[in-house]
Structure formats: structure tokens, C-alpha cells
Protein backbone atom coordinates (compact mmCIF):
# COMPACT_ATOMS: atom_id res chain seq x y z
CA MET A 1 0.00 0.00 0.00
CA ALA A 2 1.28 3.46 -0.90
CA ARG A 3 0.49 6.86 0.56
CA ILE A 4 -0.36 9.04 -2.44
CA TYR A 5 -1.23 12.68 -3.04
CA ALA A 6 -3.21 13.01 -6.30
CA ASP A 7 -2.88 16.47 -7.81
CA GLU A 8 -5.90 18.28 -9.16
CA ASN A 9 -5.60 16.99 -12.72
CA PHE A 10 -6.15 13.39 -11.64
CA LEU A 11 -9.59 11.85 -12.19
CA LEU A 12 -11.60 10.82 -9.13
CA PRO A 13 -12.66 7.44 -10.61
CA ILE A 14 -8.97 6.48 -10.87
CA VAL A 15 -8.41 7.64 -7.28
CA GLU A 16 -11.34 5.52 -6.12
CA LEU A 17 -9.98 2.44 -7.91
CA LEU A 18 -6.55 2.99 -6.35
CA ARG A 19 -8.25 3.16 -2.95
CA ALA A 20 -10.02 -0.11 -3.74
CA PHE A 21 -6.56 -1.61 -4.41
CA GLY A 22 -5.66 -0.58 -0.85
CA HIS A 23 -3.73 2.65 -1.40
CA ASP A 24 -4.15 5.64 0.90
CA VAL A 25 -4.92 8.40 -1.61
CA LEU A 26 -5.48 12.04 -0.65
CA THR A 27 -6.77 14.31 -3.41
CA SER A 28 -5.94 17.98 -3.76
CA ARG A 29 -9.64 18.73 -3.30
CA GLU A 30 -9.75 16.81 -0.02
CA ALA A 31 -6.64 18.70 1.11
CA GLY A 32 -8.32 22.03 0.29
CA LYS A 33 -5.79 22.81 -2.43
CA SER A 34 -7.84 22.46 -5.61
CA GLY A 35 -8.68 25.28 -7.99
CA PHE A 36 -6.00 27.69 -6.78
CA GLY A 37 -3.39 27.12 -9.49
CA ILE A 38 -0.83 26.06 -6.90
CA PRO A 39 2.67 25.85 -8.41
CA ASP A 40 4.07 22.35 -8.91
CA GLU A 41 6.90 23.07 -6.47
CA GLU A 42 4.30 23.67 -3.74
CA VAL A 43 2.38 20.52 -4.72
CA LEU A 44 5.58 18.51 -4.26
CA ALA A 45 6.42 20.31 -0.99
CA PHE A 46 2.95 19.49 0.37
CA ALA A 47 3.37 15.83 -0.59
CA ILE A 48 6.81 15.73 1.03
CA SER A 49 5.50 17.29 4.24
CA ASN A 50 2.75 14.65 4.36
CA ASN A 51 5.05 11.75 3.40
CA ARG A 52 3.05 11.02 0.24
CA ALA A 53 4.07 10.21 -3.32
CA VAL A 54 2.71 12.64 -5.90
CA LEU A 55 0.41 11.20 -8.57
CA THR A 56 0.17 13.46 -11.61
CA ARG A 57 -0.33 13.72 -15.35
CA ASN A 58 1.96 16.74 -15.41
CA TRP A 59 4.79 14.72 -16.93
CA GLY A 60 7.42 17.33 -17.85
CA ASP A 61 7.24 19.57 -14.81
CA PHE A 62 7.42 16.75 -12.28
CA ILE A 63 10.27 15.01 -14.08
CA ARG A 64 12.12 18.33 -13.85
CA LEU A 65 11.26 18.63 -10.15
CA HIS A 66 12.48 15.09 -9.52
CA ARG A 67 15.84 15.99 -11.06
CA LEU A 68 16.08 19.05 -8.79
CA GLN A 69 14.73 17.50 -5.59
CA GLN A 70 15.11 13.76 -5.09
CA ASN A 71 14.33 13.83 -1.38
CA HIS A 72 10.63 13.02 -1.79
CA ALA A 73 8.26 10.12 -1.10
CA GLY A 74 7.97 9.32 -4.80
CA ILE A 75 6.61 10.88 -7.96
CA ILE A 76 4.30 8.90 -10.24
CA VAL A 77 3.81 10.53 -13.63
CA CYS A 78 1.17 9.13 -15.97
CA LYS A 79 0.25 9.58 -19.59
CA GLU A 80 -3.50 10.00 -20.03
CA ASP A 81 -5.38 6.78 -20.70
CA LEU A 82 -9.12 7.02 -21.38
CA ASN A 83 -9.56 3.48 -20.05
CA ILE A 84 -9.86 4.29 -16.34
CA GLU A 85 -9.67 0.71 -15.09
CA ARG A 86 -6.58 0.00 -17.18
CA GLN A 87 -4.85 3.16 -15.97
CA ALA A 88 -5.59 2.43 -12.31
CA THR A 89 -4.30 -1.12 -12.75
CA ARG A 90 -1.12 0.08 -14.47
CA ILE A 91 -0.49 2.59 -11.66
CA ASN A 92 -1.08 -0.09 -9.04
CA ASP A 93 1.25 -2.50 -10.86
CA ALA A 94 3.96 0.18 -11.14
CA ILE A 95 3.74 0.88 -7.40
CA PHE A 96 3.99 -2.78 -6.47
CA ALA A 97 6.94 -3.29 -8.82
CA GLU A 98 8.98 -1.09 -6.46
CA GLU A 99 10.06 -2.05 -2.95
CA ASN A 100 9.94 1.58 -1.89
CA LEU A 101 8.84 4.73 -3.73
CA ARG A 102 11.07 7.11 -1.75
CA GLY A 103 13.13 9.26 -4.08
CA LYS A 104 11.92 7.43 -7.17
CA LEU A 105 10.31 8.68 -10.36
CA ILE A 106 7.78 6.16 -11.68
CA ARG A 107 6.57 6.54 -15.28
CA VAL A 108 3.23 5.00 -16.21
CA ILE A 109 2.67 5.06 -19.95
CA ARG A 110 -0.25 4.02 -22.12
CA PRO A 111 0.02 0.63 -23.70
CA PRO A 112 0.57 0.66 -27.47
CA ARG A 113 -2.60 0.73 -29.53
């Protein structure tokens, strides 16, 4: 089970499926941080302060942040997949493929068409 902070661009149905897999997922809305245009650096800082891995579709910015700041609980970047169940399963599989998410950048890509 992972402790995850889903940023505001992550779909609630995926969050709910990740919770069903047993992950502890906090959304930006639940944290009171949705709709404010919070900079990515602050999103990562919030996740770090709450010992949570960031779950995001903001691929480029969070890869850059990982390179600058590797002292985090994990960053999971995902390419958009319109198949919600498949995306949740791929995220879950990527998490379980790692012993520990701390300091790691996990890339979850769409399967080839």
C-alpha cells in the first residue's frame, strides 16, 4: 500500500480504484488545495511534508522537479489513458513493482494501440 497525493488533474474514478486496491490516496480537493493554481513546487512540498508520493499527469514539470529534488516520497507521472480501469491497474502495478517509492520517479505510460 502506498500513501499518495493526487494532484488536481487526476480523475476521481482512478483515485477511487486505487483506494479499492488498498492505497491511501489524498486528493488535492480533499486537502483544500484544488482550484487555486498552486505551483508544482508547492504541490511537491505538500506531498513531502505529508510523506506522500505525488500522482500526476503533469509529466514534464514533475520530471524536472524530480531531477532538482530527489528527497521526496515518490513521484508517479502518468500519460493519459481514457480506459480508467486500465490506468488504475497500471499505476497499481507500477507501485507494487517497487520495494519503496522514496526518491523514485515512476513513469506510467499508455500501452501501445
